Amino acid sequence: MPSATPDYSLTDDQKQHFLTHGWIKLDDCFSLDDELCKRLMSDMWERLGMDENDKTTWDPDRGECRP
């Protein structure tokens, strides 16, 4: 009997990508129209000190430890 819960396990390639690069892209894991998602995304941009509408504020080296 198939499980009612989808299998959200990461593939070996996804795991390796995360270990190598420190991030992975997960497709269709939540809806950007969801109100909780909107609040979390807004909080993320604020915590990162970046503006989602201004790519000049995006820091490609965000993985570095900074004071």
N, C-alpha and C. Protein backbone atom coordinates (compact mmCIF):
# COMPACT_ATOMS: atom_id res chain seq x y z
N MET A 1 0.84 -1.18 0.00
CA MET A 1 0.00 0.00 0.00
C MET A 1 0.88 1.24 0.00
N PRO A 2 0.71 2.17 -0.96
CA PRO A 2 1.54 3.37 -1.01
C PRO A 2 1.27 4.30 0.16
N SER A 3 2.32 5.02 0.55
CA SER A 3 2.21 5.96 1.66
C SER A 3 1.43 7.20 1.21
N ALA A 4 0.61 7.75 2.12
CA ALA A 4 -0.14 8.97 1.82
C ALA A 4 0.76 10.20 1.90
N THR A 5 1.91 10.05 2.54
CA THR A 5 2.86 11.16 2.67
C THR A 5 3.91 11.07 1.57
N PRO A 6 4.09 12.14 0.81
CA PRO A 6 5.11 12.10 -0.23
C PRO A 6 6.51 11.93 0.37
N ASP A 7 7.40 11.38 -0.41
CA ASP A 7 8.78 11.20 0.02
C ASP A 7 9.56 12.48 -0.26
N TYR A 8 9.93 13.20 0.79
CA TYR A 8 10.67 14.45 0.63
C TYR A 8 12.16 14.26 0.88
N SER A 9 12.63 13.04 0.79
CA SER A 9 14.05 12.77 1.01
C SER A 9 14.89 13.45 -0.06
N LEU A 10 16.06 13.91 0.33
CA LEU A 10 16.99 14.50 -0.63
C LEU A 10 17.70 13.39 -1.40
N THR A 11 17.98 13.67 -2.65
CA THR A 11 18.74 12.71 -3.46
C THR A 11 20.21 12.81 -3.05
N ASP A 12 20.99 11.82 -3.45
CA ASP A 12 22.42 11.87 -3.18
C ASP A 12 23.07 13.09 -3.84
N ASP A 13 22.61 13.43 -5.05
CA ASP A 13 23.14 14.62 -5.73
C ASP A 13 22.82 15.90 -4.96
N GLN A 14 21.59 16.00 -4.43
CA GLN A 14 21.22 17.18 -3.63
C GLN A 14 22.08 17.27 -2.37
N LYS A 15 22.29 16.15 -1.72
CA LYS A 15 23.11 16.13 -0.50
C LYS A 15 24.54 16.58 -0.82
N GLN A 16 25.10 16.06 -1.89
CA GLN A 16 26.46 16.42 -2.27
C GLN A 16 26.55 17.90 -2.64
N HIS A 17 25.55 18.39 -3.36
CA HIS A 17 25.53 19.81 -3.73
C HIS A 17 25.51 20.67 -2.47
N PHE A 18 24.69 20.28 -1.49
CA PHE A 18 24.64 21.04 -0.24
C PHE A 18 25.99 21.02 0.48
N LEU A 19 26.61 19.87 0.55
CA LEU A 19 27.91 19.76 1.22
C LEU A 19 28.98 20.58 0.50
N THR A 20 28.90 20.65 -0.82
CA THR A 20 29.89 21.38 -1.61
C THR A 20 29.63 22.89 -1.60
N HIS A 21 28.37 23.29 -1.76
CA HIS A 21 28.03 24.70 -1.96
C HIS A 21 27.32 25.36 -0.78
N GLY A 22 26.80 24.58 0.15
CA GLY A 22 26.12 25.13 1.31
C GLY A 22 24.67 25.51 1.07
N TRP A 23 24.11 25.12 -0.06
CA TRP A 23 22.70 25.39 -0.36
C TRP A 23 22.20 24.41 -1.41
N ILE A 24 20.89 24.24 -1.45
CA ILE A 24 20.25 23.47 -2.51
C ILE A 24 18.96 24.18 -2.89
N LYS A 25 18.52 23.96 -4.11
CA LYS A 25 17.25 24.51 -4.59
C LYS A 25 16.20 23.43 -4.46
N LEU A 26 15.11 23.76 -3.79
CA LEU A 26 14.00 22.83 -3.64
C LEU A 26 12.81 23.40 -4.41
N ASP A 27 12.40 22.72 -5.46
CA ASP A 27 11.27 23.17 -6.27
C ASP A 27 9.94 22.81 -5.61
N ASP A 28 8.99 23.73 -5.72
CA ASP A 28 7.61 23.49 -5.28
C ASP A 28 7.49 23.02 -3.83
N CYS A 29 8.30 23.59 -2.93
CA CYS A 29 8.20 23.14 -1.54
C CYS A 29 7.26 24.02 -0.72
N PHE A 30 6.88 25.20 -1.24
CA PHE A 30 5.88 26.04 -0.60
C PHE A 30 5.36 27.04 -1.61
N SER A 31 4.26 27.71 -1.25
CA SER A 31 3.64 28.68 -2.15
C SER A 31 4.01 30.10 -1.74
N LEU A 32 4.47 30.89 -2.69
CA LEU A 32 4.80 32.28 -2.41
C LEU A 32 3.55 33.12 -2.15
N ASP A 33 2.37 32.55 -2.40
CA ASP A 33 1.12 33.25 -2.13
C ASP A 33 0.65 33.05 -0.69
N ASP A 34 1.25 32.12 0.03
CA ASP A 34 0.88 31.84 1.41
C ASP A 34 1.32 33.00 2.31
N GLU A 35 0.43 33.46 3.19
CA GLU A 35 0.73 34.62 4.05
C GLU A 35 1.91 34.36 4.98
N LEU A 36 2.01 33.16 5.54
CA LEU A 36 3.15 32.84 6.40
C LEU A 36 4.44 32.89 5.61
N CYS A 37 4.41 32.37 4.40
CA CYS A 37 5.59 32.40 3.53
C CYS A 37 6.01 33.84 3.26
N LYS A 38 5.04 34.71 2.97
CA LYS A 38 5.34 36.11 2.70
C LYS A 38 6.03 36.76 3.90
N ARG A 39 5.53 36.47 5.11
CA ARG A 39 6.14 37.05 6.32
C ARG A 39 7.55 36.50 6.52
N LEU A 40 7.74 35.21 6.29
CA LEU A 40 9.07 34.61 6.46
C LEU A 40 10.06 35.17 5.44
N MET A 41 9.62 35.36 4.20
CA MET A 41 10.49 35.92 3.18
C MET A 41 10.88 37.36 3.52
N SER A 42 9.93 38.13 3.98
CA SER A 42 10.20 39.51 4.37
C SER A 42 11.21 39.55 5.51
N ASP A 43 11.02 38.68 6.49
CA ASP A 43 11.94 38.59 7.62
C ASP A 43 13.33 38.17 7.16
N MET A 44 13.39 37.23 6.20
CA MET A 44 14.68 36.76 5.69
C MET A 44 15.45 37.92 5.06
N TRP A 45 14.79 38.70 4.18
CA TRP A 45 15.47 39.82 3.53
C TRP A 45 15.97 40.82 4.56
N GLU A 46 15.15 41.09 5.58
CA GLU A 46 15.54 42.04 6.63
C GLU A 46 16.76 41.52 7.40
N ARG A 47 16.73 40.25 7.79
CA ARG A 47 17.85 39.67 8.54
C ARG A 47 19.14 39.64 7.72
N LEU A 48 19.01 39.44 6.42
CA LEU A 48 20.19 39.43 5.56
C LEU A 48 20.69 40.84 5.24
N GLY A 49 19.87 41.86 5.56
CA GLY A 49 20.25 43.23 5.26
C GLY A 49 20.24 43.51 3.77
N MET A 50 19.32 42.86 3.06
CA MET A 50 19.23 43.00 1.61
C MET A 50 17.81 43.40 1.23
N ASP A 51 17.69 43.99 0.03
CA ASP A 51 16.39 44.38 -0.51
C ASP A 51 16.08 43.45 -1.68
N GLU A 52 14.99 42.71 -1.56
CA GLU A 52 14.67 41.73 -2.61
C GLU A 52 14.44 42.38 -3.97
N ASN A 53 14.14 43.67 -4.00
CA ASN A 53 13.88 44.38 -5.25
C ASN A 53 15.10 45.12 -5.78
N ASP A 54 16.23 45.02 -5.08
CA ASP A 54 17.44 45.74 -5.50
C ASP A 54 18.62 44.76 -5.47
N LYS A 55 18.92 44.18 -6.62
CA LYS A 55 19.98 43.16 -6.69
C LYS A 55 21.35 43.70 -6.29
N THR A 56 21.54 45.01 -6.32
CA THR A 56 22.84 45.56 -5.91
C THR A 56 23.08 45.35 -4.42
N THR A 57 22.02 45.06 -3.65
CA THR A 57 22.18 44.81 -2.21
C THR A 57 22.43 43.34 -1.91
N TRP A 58 22.29 42.49 -2.92
CA TRP A 58 22.47 41.06 -2.70
C TRP A 58 23.94 40.74 -2.58
N ASP A 59 24.31 39.97 -1.58
CA ASP A 59 25.69 39.65 -1.29
C ASP A 59 26.00 38.22 -1.72
N PRO A 60 26.76 38.06 -2.82
CA PRO A 60 27.05 36.71 -3.29
C PRO A 60 27.94 35.91 -2.35
N ASP A 61 28.62 36.56 -1.43
CA ASP A 61 29.51 35.89 -0.48
C ASP A 61 28.90 35.79 0.89
N ARG A 62 27.58 35.69 0.96
CA ARG A 62 26.87 35.70 2.24
C ARG A 62 27.33 34.60 3.18
N GLY A 63 27.93 33.55 2.64
CA GLY A 63 28.37 32.45 3.47
C GLY A 63 29.52 32.80 4.39
N GLU A 64 30.20 33.90 4.14
CA GLU A 64 31.31 34.30 5.00
C GLU A 64 30.80 34.78 6.34
N CYS A 65 31.58 34.52 7.39
CA CYS A 65 31.24 35.01 8.72
C CYS A 65 31.63 36.48 8.80
N ARG A 66 30.70 37.30 9.17
CA ARG A 66 30.96 38.74 9.28
C ARG A 66 30.46 39.23 10.61
N PRO A 67 31.14 40.19 11.20
CA PRO A 67 30.66 40.73 12.49
C PRO A 67 29.38 41.49 12.35
